[in-house]
Amino acid sequence: AGPLAGPSANRSNHVSPTTADHVRADLGDQVDLILDGGPCRVGIESTVIDLSGTVPTILRPGGVAREQIETIIGPVAMFSGSVDSARSATSPGQQSTHYAPRTRAVRCTHCAKKAGRVILRWPSSDPEECARIFYAELRQLDQMNADEIAIELPPDEPRWAALRDRIIRATAANG
């Protein structure tokens, strides 16, 4: 069996859509039909695993955490770093800059208010809830015509790995 590929409802290197309205705004007349099943229940993209080597490797952390996978198949490695944008990635989301809003975005531990800045803070200590709303919140802030979006980094803990990955890539151009 070879790789599995599926169509994507989002434009590369932009904030991922989590509702049919987001897809419509991004793709417009490029698609004939958009099926609306309601907002995404997970929010961030899927976990991508490479099983072709001797040790399974998570190429992109996602809705299924590393710990959940390891309880089923045993130890897995994590892809770290990024792929040069001139090269073909083995998985979506491996470029250093990805999932980025149009507005300049920065990450911070304790984001301070300042003129022209809007801040994305987490309403909960539940990483699943925060992941579910991340892209919708980021899109909303991107439409506010602010000078900058400051995104608070959640704790550097395994259960926050996928969301931290998306934040780091969304802010990679600006830090």
Foldseek 3Di string as FASTA:
>chain_A
DDDDDDDALADKLAAHDFFQVVSCVGCPPVDDDDDTPDGHQQQWDDFDWDPPDPAIETAADGSQFQVNVCVPVNDHHYDDAADDPVDDDPDGLRHLATNAAPAQEEEDADDDDDALEDEDDDPDLQLRVCSSCVSVVNVVVSVPPGNYYYYHAHDPDRNNVNVNSSRSNRNVVPD
